[in-house]
Amino acid sequence: MLGPSSSFNPKSPSASVADGVAAGMSVSPGRRERPPQPCAPPGLEEALSALGLEGEREYAGDIFAEVMVCRALPGRALPRTVTPEMRALVVDWLVQVHEYLGLAGDTLYLAVHLLDSYLRAGRVRLRRLQLLGVACLFLACKMEECVLPEPASLCLLSAGSFSRAELLRAERRILSRLDFRLHHPGPLLCLGLLAALAGSRPQVVLLATYFLELSLLEAEAAEWEPGRRAAAALSLAHRVLDGADSRPEPALYSPAELDPLEPCMVRAALRGPAPGRAAVFLKYARPQRQGTSLAAALLLRHPQPGPP
């Protein structure tokens, strides 16, 4: 595993969720059709209270719509200079830096989202891939953190691969290319809402969080809507711990919508601490996270029988 001080080398939401826009609605030329808004499921106010958002009951439906209807990135391929393996290596390094600095979970997901958005917007020089990743993390910190890491500290963690001035220039390029569109309700927020709605126990939520973080390493996951990705991780965690027939309720996505996502997470969990993709596995193997990655690999190889 690369240490934080090491240098680096180179579908839509379910119909059961959507409510409001008719399929045959006409759209005036030049106007963009608004995505369908999800109907608020029963128990949403109680779920927000469980997340410490008691004061937001009046806006519960709007919060749910904002989070669950967030669109995925367009299915555009990575630049020819960047392979999925190279992207995974950058994300793996970002996971290590993120953990070393003790940043919030949403910061990591936003940083990877910004990285994927930039990669899909144009060409990237391979030798600047690590700089791009650190600049995306720095921008994500400005959106999510109360205390920012110093640019000089980020340069030091990259073993001096670039200077403070280069980092700030990269930040300006990202802002320009993304047109300052940095807001993104990540899948971690979706997972919290879905788990609170389903009343999932802490062990299930921890395992689902592990599956969700593993998906960051997969380039194809950028094309999944945050809500659907979180629902797939939660559904897989329930089935691993409670049996093959167990799924969270309410079921906001059909099995057909989640089934294409779950095998990717299963493959990542069974891969183990593979070179260039070990950070998430090792992070969740520690006692602080109850050895979740080790238990997940064991349970996936030897599934538990469901309740009678």
C-alpha atoms as a PDB file:
ATOM      1  CA  MET A   1       0.000   0.000   0.000  1.00  0.00           C
ATOM      2  CA  LEU A   2       1.265   3.472  -0.821  1.00  0.00           C
ATOM      3  CA  GLY A   3       1.693   5.557   2.290  1.00  0.00           C
ATOM      4  CA  PRO A   4       0.349   9.109   2.387  1.00  0.00           C
ATOM      5  CA  SER A   5       3.910  10.329   1.987  1.00  0.00           C
ATOM      6  CA  SER A   6       4.603   8.103  -1.018  1.00  0.00           C
ATOM      7  CA  SER A   7       4.765   9.499  -4.511  1.00  0.00           C
ATOM      8  CA  PHE A   8       2.367   8.320  -7.170  1.00  0.00           C
ATOM      9  CA  ASN A   9       3.286   6.870 -10.545  1.00  0.00           C
ATOM     10  CA  PRO A  10       1.554   6.465 -13.266  1.00  0.00           C
ATOM     11  CA  LYS A  11     -30.087   4.427 -15.650  1.00  0.00           C
ATOM     12  CA  SER A  12     -32.489   5.965 -14.118  1.00  0.00           C
ATOM     13  CA  PRO A  13     -34.303   5.834 -10.734  1.00  0.00           C
ATOM     14  CA  SER A  14     -37.069   3.335 -10.210  1.00  0.00           C
ATOM     15  CA  ALA A  15     -40.570   4.098 -11.302  1.00  0.00           C
ATOM     16  CA  SER A  16     -41.560   3.411  -7.710  1.00  0.00           C
ATOM     17  CA  VAL A  17     -39.378   6.348  -6.693  1.00  0.00           C
ATOM     18  CA  ALA A  18     -40.396   8.715  -9.452  1.00  0.00           C
ATOM     19  CA  ASP A  19     -43.719  10.477  -9.275  1.00  0.00           C
ATOM     20  CA  GLY A  20     -45.093  13.408 -11.155  1.00  0.00           C
ATOM     21  CA  VAL A  21     -43.876  13.699 -14.750  1.00  0.00           C
ATOM     22  CA  ALA A  22     -45.905  11.830 -17.331  1.00  0.00           C
ATOM     23  CA  ALA A  23     -44.025   9.831 -19.914  1.00  0.00           C
ATOM     24  CA  GLY A  24     -45.662  11.570 -22.836  1.00  0.00           C
ATOM     25  CA  MET A  25     -45.287  15.128 -21.595  1.00  0.00           C
ATOM     26  CA  SER A  26     -44.244  17.477 -24.365  1.00  0.00           C
ATOM     27  CA  VAL A  27     -41.244  19.732 -23.873  1.00  0.00           C
ATOM     28  CA  SER A  28     -40.946  23.098 -25.541  1.00  0.00           C
ATOM     29  CA  PRO A  29     -37.949  23.537 -27.843  1.00  0.00           C
ATOM     30  CA  GLY A  30     -34.948  24.898 -26.001  1.00  0.00           C
ATOM     31  CA  ARG A  31     -36.271  23.890 -22.596  1.00  0.00           C
ATOM     32  CA  ARG A  32     -34.743  21.093 -20.567  1.00  0.00           C
ATOM     33  CA  GLU A  33     -37.135  18.533 -19.173  1.00  0.00           C
ATOM     34  CA  ARG A  34     -36.997  18.388 -15.387  1.00  0.00           C
ATOM     35  CA  PRO A  35     -36.281  14.997 -13.869  1.00  0.00           C
ATOM     36  CA  PRO A  36     -39.242  13.324 -12.190  1.00  0.00           C
ATOM     37  CA  GLN A  37     -39.532  14.078  -8.505  1.00  0.00           C
ATOM     38  CA  PRO A  38     -39.700  11.137  -6.091  1.00  0.00           C
ATOM     39  CA  CYS A  39     -42.657  10.816  -3.801  1.00  0.00           C
ATOM     40  CA  ALA A  40     -41.790  10.933  -0.112  1.00  0.00           C
ATOM     41  CA  PRO A  41     -41.931   7.393   1.314  1.00  0.00           C
ATOM     42  CA  PRO A  42     -43.692   6.675   4.599  1.00  0.00           C
ATOM     43  CA  GLY A  43     -41.493   7.201   7.634  1.00  0.00           C
ATOM     44  CA  LEU A  44     -39.332   9.882   6.011  1.00  0.00           C
ATOM     45  CA  GLU A  45     -39.853  12.397   8.815  1.00  0.00           C
ATOM     46  CA  GLU A  46     -38.880   9.781  11.394  1.00  0.00           C
ATOM     47  CA  ALA A  47     -35.805   8.874   9.319  1.00  0.00           C
ATOM     48  CA  LEU A  48     -34.682  12.508   9.247  1.00  0.00           C
ATOM     49  CA  SER A  49     -35.169  12.684  13.006  1.00  0.00           C
ATOM     50  CA  ALA A  50     -32.978   9.594  13.385  1.00  0.00           C
ATOM     51  CA  LEU A  51     -30.283  11.427  11.380  1.00  0.00           C
ATOM     52  CA  GLY A  52     -30.472  14.453  13.684  1.00  0.00           C
ATOM     53  CA  LEU A  53     -32.517  16.588  11.283  1.00  0.00           C
ATOM     54  CA  GLU A  54     -35.578  17.061  13.486  1.00  0.00           C
ATOM     55  CA  GLY A  55     -35.890  20.689  12.419  1.00  0.00           C
ATOM     56  CA  GLU A  56     -36.175  19.772   8.748  1.00  0.00           C
ATOM     57  CA  ARG A  57     -39.504  17.920   8.854  1.00  0.00           C
ATOM     58  CA  GLU A  58     -41.256  20.662   6.907  1.00  0.00           C
ATOM     59  CA  TYR A  59     -38.800  20.161   4.048  1.00  0.00           C
ATOM     60  CA  ALA A  60     -38.515  16.367   4.293  1.00  0.00           C
ATOM     61  CA  GLY A  61     -39.955  15.731   0.837  1.00  0.00           C
ATOM     62  CA  ASP A  62     -37.740  18.364  -0.801  1.00  0.00           C
ATOM     63  CA  ILE A  63     -34.637  16.977   0.894  1.00  0.00           C
ATOM     64  CA  PHE A  64     -35.477  13.483  -0.282  1.00  0.00           C
ATOM     65  CA  ALA A  65     -36.115  14.691  -3.842  1.00  0.00           C
ATOM     66  CA  GLU A  66     -32.828  16.609  -3.958  1.00  0.00           C
ATOM     67  CA  VAL A  67     -30.818  13.631  -2.741  1.00  0.00           C
ATOM     68  CA  MET A  68     -32.459  10.715  -4.521  1.00  0.00           C
ATOM     69  CA  VAL A  69     -33.037  12.283  -7.951  1.00  0.00           C
ATOM     70  CA  CYS A  70     -29.451  13.468  -8.394  1.00  0.00           C
ATOM     71  CA  ARG A  71     -28.330  12.346 -11.839  1.00  0.00           C
ATOM     72  CA  ALA A  72     -25.270  10.264 -12.582  1.00  0.00           C
ATOM     73  CA  LEU A  73     -22.421  11.383 -14.790  1.00  0.00           C
ATOM     74  CA  PRO A  74     -23.032  10.751 -18.492  1.00  0.00           C
ATOM     75  CA  GLY A  75     -21.727   7.423 -19.723  1.00  0.00           C
ATOM     76  CA  ARG A  76     -18.788   8.977 -21.504  1.00  0.00           C
ATOM     77  CA  ALA A  77     -15.560   7.003 -21.594  1.00  0.00           C
ATOM     78  CA  LEU A  78     -12.416   8.013 -19.757  1.00  0.00           C
ATOM     79  CA  PRO A  79      -9.795   9.867 -21.800  1.00  0.00           C
ATOM     80  CA  ARG A  80      -7.613   7.530 -23.846  1.00  0.00           C
ATOM     81  CA  THR A  81      -4.608   8.490 -21.742  1.00  0.00           C
ATOM     82  CA  VAL A  82      -6.300   7.280 -18.526  1.00  0.00           C
ATOM     83  CA  THR A  83      -7.197   3.621 -18.016  1.00  0.00           C
ATOM     84  CA  PRO A  84      -9.561   2.346 -15.294  1.00  0.00           C
ATOM     85  CA  GLU A  85      -6.493   0.916 -13.519  1.00  0.00           C
ATOM     86  CA  MET A  86      -4.789   4.332 -13.472  1.00  0.00           C
ATOM     87  CA  ARG A  87      -7.944   5.966 -12.170  1.00  0.00           C
ATOM     88  CA  ALA A  88      -8.246   3.293  -9.453  1.00  0.00           C
ATOM     89  CA  LEU A  89      -4.648   3.932  -8.394  1.00  0.00           C
ATOM     90  CA  VAL A  90      -5.366   7.660  -7.943  1.00  0.00           C
ATOM     91  CA  VAL A  91      -8.576   6.979  -5.986  1.00  0.00           C
ATOM     92  CA  ASP A  92      -6.772   4.405  -3.836  1.00  0.00           C
ATOM     93  CA  TRP A  93      -4.133   7.020  -2.977  1.00  0.00           C
ATOM     94  CA  LEU A  94      -6.843   9.597  -2.216  1.00  0.00           C
ATOM     95  CA  VAL A  95      -8.475   7.150   0.205  1.00  0.00           C
ATOM     96  CA  GLN A  96      -5.187   6.909   2.084  1.00  0.00           C
ATOM     97  CA  VAL A  97      -4.704  10.689   2.209  1.00  0.00           C
ATOM     98  CA  HIS A  98      -8.333  11.191   3.213  1.00  0.00           C
ATOM     99  CA  GLU A  99      -7.984   8.757   6.119  1.00  0.00           C
ATOM    100  CA  TYR A 100      -4.594  10.166   7.164  1.00  0.00           C
ATOM    101  CA  LEU A 101      -6.040  13.700   7.382  1.00  0.00           C
ATOM    102  CA  GLY A 102      -9.177  12.509   9.191  1.00  0.00           C
ATOM    103  CA  LEU A 103     -11.565  14.163   6.736  1.00  0.00           C
ATOM    104  CA  ALA A 104     -15.340  13.716   6.592  1.00  0.00           C
ATOM    105  CA  GLY A 105     -16.765  10.857   4.559  1.00  0.00           C
ATOM    106  CA  ASP A 106     -18.651  13.155   2.181  1.00  0.00           C
ATOM    107  CA  THR A 107     -15.364  14.876   1.309  1.00  0.00           C
ATOM    108  CA  LEU A 108     -13.973  11.696  -0.247  1.00  0.00           C
ATOM    109  CA  TYR A 109     -17.088  11.028  -2.332  1.00  0.00           C
ATOM    110  CA  LEU A 110     -17.202  14.607  -3.581  1.00  0.00           C
ATOM    111  CA  ALA A 111     -13.492  14.529  -4.460  1.00  0.00           C
ATOM    112  CA  VAL A 112     -13.944  11.375  -6.561  1.00  0.00           C
ATOM    113  CA  HIS A 113     -17.041  12.863  -8.208  1.00  0.00           C
ATOM    114  CA  LEU A 114     -15.066  15.982  -9.165  1.00  0.00           C
ATOM    115  CA  LEU A 115     -12.235  13.801 -10.473  1.00  0.00           C
ATOM    116  CA  ASP A 116     -14.611  11.777 -12.649  1.00  0.00           C
ATOM    117  CA  SER A 117     -16.374  14.925 -13.876  1.00  0.00           C
ATOM    118  CA  TYR A 118     -13.078  16.459 -14.930  1.00  0.00           C
ATOM    119  CA  LEU A 119     -11.852  13.272 -16.604  1.00  0.00           C
ATOM    120  CA  ARG A 120     -15.028  13.075 -18.671  1.00  0.00           C
ATOM    121  CA  ALA A 121     -14.771  16.711 -19.717  1.00  0.00           C
ATOM    122  CA  GLY A 122     -11.551  16.491 -21.703  1.00  0.00           C
ATOM    123  CA  ARG A 123      -7.990  15.267 -22.042  1.00  0.00           C
ATOM    124  CA  VAL A 124      -5.673  14.861 -19.071  1.00  0.00           C
ATOM    125  CA  ARG A 125      -1.911  14.531 -19.035  1.00  0.00           C
ATOM    126  CA  LEU A 126      -0.955  11.289 -17.355  1.00  0.00           C
ATOM    127  CA  ARG A 127       1.886  12.855 -15.371  1.00  0.00           C
ATOM    128  CA  ARG A 128      -0.618  15.335 -13.882  1.00  0.00           C
ATOM    129  CA  LEU A 129      -3.125  12.722 -12.736  1.00  0.00           C
ATOM    130  CA  GLN A 130      -2.037  12.788  -9.095  1.00  0.00           C
ATOM    131  CA  LEU A 131      -2.063  16.588  -9.081  1.00  0.00           C
ATOM    132  CA  LEU A 132      -5.619  16.493 -10.446  1.00  0.00           C
ATOM    133  CA  GLY A 133      -6.692  14.103  -7.684  1.00  0.00           C
ATOM    134  CA  VAL A 134      -5.198  16.253  -4.912  1.00  0.00           C
ATOM    135  CA  ALA A 135      -6.734  19.416  -6.371  1.00  0.00           C
ATOM    136  CA  CYS A 136     -10.162  17.721  -6.422  1.00  0.00           C
ATOM    137  CA  LEU A 137      -9.675  16.695  -2.785  1.00  0.00           C
ATOM    138  CA  PHE A 138      -8.700  20.264  -1.875  1.00  0.00           C
ATOM    139  CA  LEU A 139     -11.854  21.611  -3.559  1.00  0.00           C
ATOM    140  CA  ALA A 140     -13.990  18.992  -1.820  1.00  0.00           C
ATOM    141  CA  CYS A 141     -12.509  20.091   1.516  1.00  0.00           C
ATOM    142  CA  LYS A 142     -13.607  23.660   0.796  1.00  0.00           C
ATOM    143  CA  MET A 143     -17.148  22.401   0.261  1.00  0.00           C
ATOM    144  CA  GLU A 144     -17.401  19.943   3.176  1.00  0.00           C
ATOM    145  CA  GLU A 145     -14.804  20.680   5.864  1.00  0.00           C
ATOM    146  CA  CYS A 146     -14.737  23.297   8.606  1.00  0.00           C
ATOM    147  CA  VAL A 147     -10.926  23.297   8.795  1.00  0.00           C
ATOM    148  CA  LEU A 148      -8.999  23.118   5.534  1.00  0.00           C
ATOM    149  CA  PRO A 149      -5.692  21.288   5.080  1.00  0.00           C
ATOM    150  CA  GLU A 150      -2.882  23.601   4.090  1.00  0.00           C
ATOM    151  CA  PRO A 151      -1.912  23.407   0.393  1.00  0.00           C
ATOM    152  CA  ALA A 152       1.700  22.987   1.492  1.00  0.00           C
ATOM    153  CA  SER A 153       0.702  19.929   3.544  1.00  0.00           C
ATOM    154  CA  LEU A 154      -1.001  18.343   0.529  1.00  0.00           C
ATOM    155  CA  CYS A 155       2.132  18.953  -1.534  1.00  0.00           C
ATOM    156  CA  LEU A 156       4.211  17.327   1.206  1.00  0.00           C
ATOM    157  CA  LEU A 157       1.969  14.241   1.238  1.00  0.00           C
ATOM    158  CA  SER A 158       2.627  13.851  -2.473  1.00  0.00           C
ATOM    159  CA  ALA A 159       6.381  13.705  -1.767  1.00  0.00           C
ATOM    160  CA  GLY A 160       6.930  17.025  -3.531  1.00  0.00           C
ATOM    161  CA  SER A 161       5.561  15.869  -6.890  1.00  0.00           C
ATOM    162  CA  PHE A 162       4.187  19.371  -7.443  1.00  0.00           C
ATOM    163  CA  SER A 163       4.363  22.802  -5.858  1.00  0.00           C
ATOM    164  CA  ARG A 164       1.779  24.897  -4.031  1.00  0.00           C
ATOM    165  CA  ALA A 165       1.496  27.190  -7.055  1.00  0.00           C
ATOM    166  CA  GLU A 166       0.832  24.200  -9.344  1.00  0.00           C
ATOM    167  CA  LEU A 167      -1.858  22.942  -6.974  1.00  0.00           C
ATOM    168  CA  LEU A 168      -3.658  26.296  -6.985  1.00  0.00           C
ATOM    169  CA  ARG A 169      -3.419  26.506 -10.799  1.00  0.00           C
ATOM    170  CA  ALA A 170      -4.912  23.022 -11.065  1.00  0.00           C
ATOM    171  CA  GLU A 171      -7.730  24.132  -8.769  1.00  0.00           C
ATOM    172  CA  ARG A 172      -8.539  27.052 -11.095  1.00  0.00           C
ATOM    173  CA  ARG A 173      -8.526  24.749 -14.151  1.00  0.00           C
ATOM    174  CA  ILE A 174     -10.998  22.381 -12.467  1.00  0.00           C
ATOM    175  CA  LEU A 175     -13.323  25.238 -11.505  1.00  0.00           C
ATOM    176  CA  SER A 176     -13.211  26.588 -15.049  1.00  0.00           C
ATOM    177  CA  ARG A 177     -13.796  23.231 -16.754  1.00  0.00           C
ATOM    178  CA  LEU A 178     -16.650  22.289 -14.385  1.00  0.00           C
ATOM    179  CA  ASP A 179     -18.148  25.794 -14.576  1.00  0.00           C
ATOM    180  CA  PHE A 180     -18.035  25.998 -10.746  1.00  0.00           C
ATOM    181  CA  ARG A 181     -20.626  23.202 -10.450  1.00  0.00           C
ATOM    182  CA  LEU A 182     -19.335  21.560  -7.299  1.00  0.00           C
ATOM    183  CA  HIS A 183     -22.507  20.657  -5.404  1.00  0.00           C
ATOM    184  CA  HIS A 184     -23.287  16.939  -5.461  1.00  0.00           C
ATOM    185  CA  PRO A 185     -25.410  15.014  -2.920  1.00  0.00           C
ATOM    186  CA  GLY A 186     -23.212  11.957  -2.679  1.00  0.00           C
ATOM    187  CA  PRO A 187     -24.230   8.329  -2.182  1.00  0.00           C
ATOM    188  CA  LEU A 188     -23.139   8.419   1.467  1.00  0.00           C
ATOM    189  CA  LEU A 189     -25.976  10.833   2.246  1.00  0.00           C
ATOM    190  CA  CYS A 190     -28.355   8.621   0.258  1.00  0.00           C
ATOM    191  CA  LEU A 191     -27.206   5.598   2.246  1.00  0.00           C
ATOM    192  CA  GLY A 192     -27.911   7.360   5.537  1.00  0.00           C
ATOM    193  CA  LEU A 193     -31.450   8.206   4.433  1.00  0.00           C
ATOM    194  CA  LEU A 194     -32.200   4.744   3.058  1.00  0.00           C
ATOM    195  CA  ALA A 195     -30.778   2.974   6.115  1.00  0.00           C
ATOM    196  CA  ALA A 196     -32.813   5.188   8.458  1.00  0.00           C
ATOM    197  CA  LEU A 197     -35.953   4.503   6.427  1.00  0.00           C
ATOM    198  CA  ALA A 198     -35.327   0.758   6.530  1.00  0.00           C
ATOM    199  CA  GLY A 199     -34.340   0.754  10.208  1.00  0.00           C
ATOM    200  CA  SER A 200     -31.126  -1.082   9.317  1.00  0.00           C
ATOM    201  CA  ARG A 201     -29.016  -2.130  12.269  1.00  0.00           C
ATOM    202  CA  PRO A 202     -25.481  -0.705  12.680  1.00  0.00           C
ATOM    203  CA  GLN A 203     -23.698  -3.842  11.401  1.00  0.00           C
ATOM    204  CA  VAL A 204     -25.661  -3.669   8.140  1.00  0.00           C
ATOM    205  CA  VAL A 205     -24.938   0.039   7.707  1.00  0.00           C
ATOM    206  CA  LEU A 206     -21.216  -0.498   8.293  1.00  0.00           C
ATOM    207  CA  LEU A 207     -21.074  -3.293   5.712  1.00  0.00           C
ATOM    208  CA  ALA A 208     -23.072  -1.209   3.227  1.00  0.00           C
ATOM    209  CA  THR A 209     -20.665   1.707   3.787  1.00  0.00           C
ATOM    210  CA  TYR A 210     -17.779  -0.633   2.973  1.00  0.00           C
ATOM    211  CA  PHE A 211     -19.440  -1.810  -0.249  1.00  0.00           C
ATOM    212  CA  LEU A 212     -20.195   1.796  -1.181  1.00  0.00           C
ATOM    213  CA  GLU A 213     -16.604   2.924  -0.623  1.00  0.00           C
ATOM    214  CA  LEU A 214     -15.313  -0.023  -2.646  1.00  0.00           C
ATOM    215  CA  SER A 215     -17.397   1.186  -5.573  1.00  0.00           C
ATOM    216  CA  LEU A 216     -15.313   4.381  -5.676  1.00  0.00           C
ATOM    217  CA  LEU A 217     -12.477   2.341  -7.162  1.00  0.00           C
ATOM    218  CA  GLU A 218     -14.617   1.165 -10.087  1.00  0.00           C
ATOM    219  CA  ALA A 219     -14.774   3.491 -13.096  1.00  0.00           C
ATOM    220  CA  GLU A 220     -18.198   2.149 -14.110  1.00  0.00           C
ATOM    221  CA  ALA A 221     -19.686   3.261 -10.775  1.00  0.00           C
ATOM    222  CA  ALA A 222     -19.471   6.918 -11.869  1.00  0.00           C
ATOM    223  CA  GLU A 223     -22.348   6.151 -14.255  1.00  0.00           C
ATOM    224  CA  TRP A 224     -24.646   5.034 -11.405  1.00  0.00           C
ATOM    225  CA  GLU A 225     -27.039   7.449  -9.750  1.00  0.00           C
ATOM    226  CA  PRO A 226     -26.011   8.116  -6.118  1.00  0.00           C
ATOM    227  CA  GLY A 227     -29.352   6.899  -4.784  1.00  0.00           C
ATOM    228  CA  ARG A 228     -29.268   3.678  -6.769  1.00  0.00           C
ATOM    229  CA  ARG A 229     -25.654   3.008  -5.808  1.00  0.00           C
ATOM    230  CA  ALA A 230     -26.482   3.476  -2.121  1.00  0.00           C
ATOM    231  CA  ALA A 231     -29.576   1.278  -2.439  1.00  0.00           C
ATOM    232  CA  ALA A 232     -27.499  -1.478  -4.068  1.00  0.00           C
ATOM    233  CA  ALA A 233     -24.914  -1.362  -1.262  1.00  0.00           C
ATOM    234  CA  LEU A 234     -27.612  -1.485   1.420  1.00  0.00           C
ATOM    235  CA  SER A 235     -29.509  -4.300  -0.301  1.00  0.00           C
ATOM    236  CA  LEU A 236     -26.316  -6.332  -0.715  1.00  0.00           C
ATOM    237  CA  ALA A 237     -25.375  -5.805   2.949  1.00  0.00           C
ATOM    238  CA  HIS A 238     -28.815  -6.989   4.095  1.00  0.00           C
ATOM    239  CA  ARG A 239     -28.609 -10.100   1.931  1.00  0.00           C
ATOM    240  CA  VAL A 240     -25.063 -10.927   3.055  1.00  0.00           C
ATOM    241  CA  LEU A 241     -25.911 -10.633   6.767  1.00  0.00           C
ATOM    242  CA  ASP A 242     -29.578 -11.672   6.814  1.00  0.00           C
ATOM    243  CA  GLY A 243     -29.873 -14.171   3.966  1.00  0.00           C
ATOM    244  CA  ALA A 244     -30.359 -14.131   0.202  1.00  0.00           C
ATOM    245  CA  ASP A 245     -34.062 -13.272   0.375  1.00  0.00           C
ATOM    246  CA  SER A 246     -33.630 -10.302   2.693  1.00  0.00           C
ATOM    247  CA  ARG A 247     -34.034  -6.798   1.252  1.00  0.00           C
ATOM    248  CA  PRO A 248     -34.584  -3.453   2.997  1.00  0.00           C
ATOM    249  CA  GLU A 249     -38.064  -1.960   3.204  1.00  0.00           C
ATOM    250  CA  PRO A 250     -39.405   0.232   1.768  1.00  0.00           C
ATOM    251  CA  ALA A 251     -38.021  -1.073  -1.541  1.00  0.00           C
ATOM    252  CA  LEU A 252     -37.488   2.139  -3.515  1.00  0.00           C
ATOM    253  CA  TYR A 253     -35.699   0.301  -6.338  1.00  0.00           C
ATOM    254  CA  SER A 254     -36.646  -2.982  -7.939  1.00  0.00           C
ATOM    255  CA  PRO A 255     -34.240  -5.964  -7.879  1.00  0.00           C
ATOM    256  CA  ALA A 256     -33.823  -5.579 -11.648  1.00  0.00           C
ATOM    257  CA  GLU A 257     -32.440  -2.058 -11.120  1.00  0.00           C
ATOM    258  CA  LEU A 258     -30.027  -3.105  -8.369  1.00  0.00           C
ATOM    259  CA  ASP A 259     -28.831  -6.459  -9.711  1.00  0.00           C
ATOM    260  CA  PRO A 260     -26.443  -4.948 -12.332  1.00  0.00           C
ATOM    261  CA  LEU A 261     -24.669  -2.937  -9.602  1.00  0.00           C
ATOM    262  CA  GLU A 262     -24.215  -5.548  -6.900  1.00  0.00           C
ATOM    263  CA  PRO A 263     -21.847  -7.915  -8.795  1.00  0.00           C
ATOM    264  CA  CYS A 264     -19.351  -5.059  -9.191  1.00  0.00           C
ATOM    265  CA  MET A 265     -19.303  -4.552  -5.418  1.00  0.00           C
ATOM    266  CA  VAL A 266     -19.042  -8.298  -4.799  1.00  0.00           C
ATOM    267  CA  ARG A 267     -16.057  -8.603  -7.154  1.00  0.00           C
ATOM    268  CA  ALA A 268     -14.339  -5.689  -5.438  1.00  0.00           C
ATOM    269  CA  ALA A 269     -14.923  -7.207  -1.985  1.00  0.00           C
ATOM    270  CA  LEU A 270     -13.601 -10.613  -3.078  1.00  0.00           C
ATOM    271  CA  ARG A 271     -10.556  -9.061  -4.741  1.00  0.00           C
ATOM    272  CA  GLY A 272      -9.041  -8.301  -1.352  1.00  0.00           C
ATOM    273  CA  PRO A 273      -5.950  -6.117  -0.913  1.00  0.00           C
ATOM    274  CA  ALA A 274      -4.933  -6.224  -4.573  1.00  0.00           C
ATOM    275  CA  PRO A 275      -2.001  -3.995  -5.608  1.00  0.00           C
ATOM    276  CA  GLY A 276      -3.220  -0.470  -6.313  1.00  0.00           C
ATOM    277  CA  ARG A 277      -6.649  -1.196  -4.808  1.00  0.00           C
ATOM    278  CA  ALA A 278      -5.816  -2.146  -1.218  1.00  0.00           C
ATOM    279  CA  ALA A 279      -6.584   1.040   0.735  1.00  0.00           C
ATOM    280  CA  VAL A 280     -10.326   0.495   1.278  1.00  0.00           C
ATOM    281  CA  PHE A 281      -9.888  -3.196   2.159  1.00  0.00           C
ATOM    282  CA  LEU A 282      -7.137  -2.459   4.690  1.00  0.00           C
ATOM    283  CA  LYS A 283      -9.046   0.504   6.121  1.00  0.00           C
ATOM    284  CA  TYR A 284     -12.085  -1.656   6.889  1.00  0.00           C
ATOM    285  CA  ALA A 285      -9.972  -4.576   8.118  1.00  0.00           C
ATOM    286  CA  ARG A 286      -8.924  -2.625  11.224  1.00  0.00           C
ATOM    287  CA  PRO A 287     -10.508  -3.291  14.632  1.00  0.00           C
ATOM    288  CA  GLN A 288     -11.994   0.221  14.655  1.00  0.00           C
ATOM    289  CA  ARG A 289     -14.243  -0.939  11.801  1.00  0.00           C
ATOM    290  CA  GLN A 290     -14.777  -4.404  13.231  1.00  0.00           C
ATOM    291  CA  GLY A 291     -12.757  -6.178  10.543  1.00  0.00           C
ATOM    292  CA  THR A 292     -15.630  -5.586   8.126  1.00  0.00           C
ATOM    293  CA  SER A 293     -13.675  -6.284   4.939  1.00  0.00           C
ATOM    294  CA  LEU A 294     -12.384  -9.620   6.257  1.00  0.00           C
ATOM    295  CA  ALA A 295     -15.855 -10.666   7.402  1.00  0.00           C
ATOM    296  CA  ALA A 296     -17.406  -9.575   4.098  1.00  0.00           C
ATOM    297  CA  ALA A 297     -15.006 -11.703   2.050  1.00  0.00           C
ATOM    298  CA  LEU A 298     -15.724 -14.711   4.265  1.00  0.00           C
ATOM    299  CA  LEU A 299     -19.511 -14.255   4.125  1.00  0.00           C
ATOM    300  CA  LEU A 300     -19.505 -13.753   0.356  1.00  0.00           C
ATOM    301  CA  ARG A 301     -17.578 -16.992  -0.118  1.00  0.00           C
ATOM    302  CA  HIS A 302     -19.785 -18.866   2.373  1.00  0.00           C
ATOM    303  CA  PRO A 303     -23.260 -17.257   2.322  1.00  0.00           C
ATOM    304  CA  GLN A 304     -25.360 -17.508   5.446  1.00  0.00           C
ATOM    305  CA  PRO A 305     -28.781 -19.199   5.243  1.00  0.00           C
ATOM    306  CA  GLY A 306     -31.708 -16.851   5.483  1.00  0.00           C
ATOM    307  CA  PRO A 307     -34.233 -16.852   8.318  1.00  0.00           C
ATOM    308  CA  PRO A 308     -36.757 -19.723   8.196  1.00  0.00           C
END
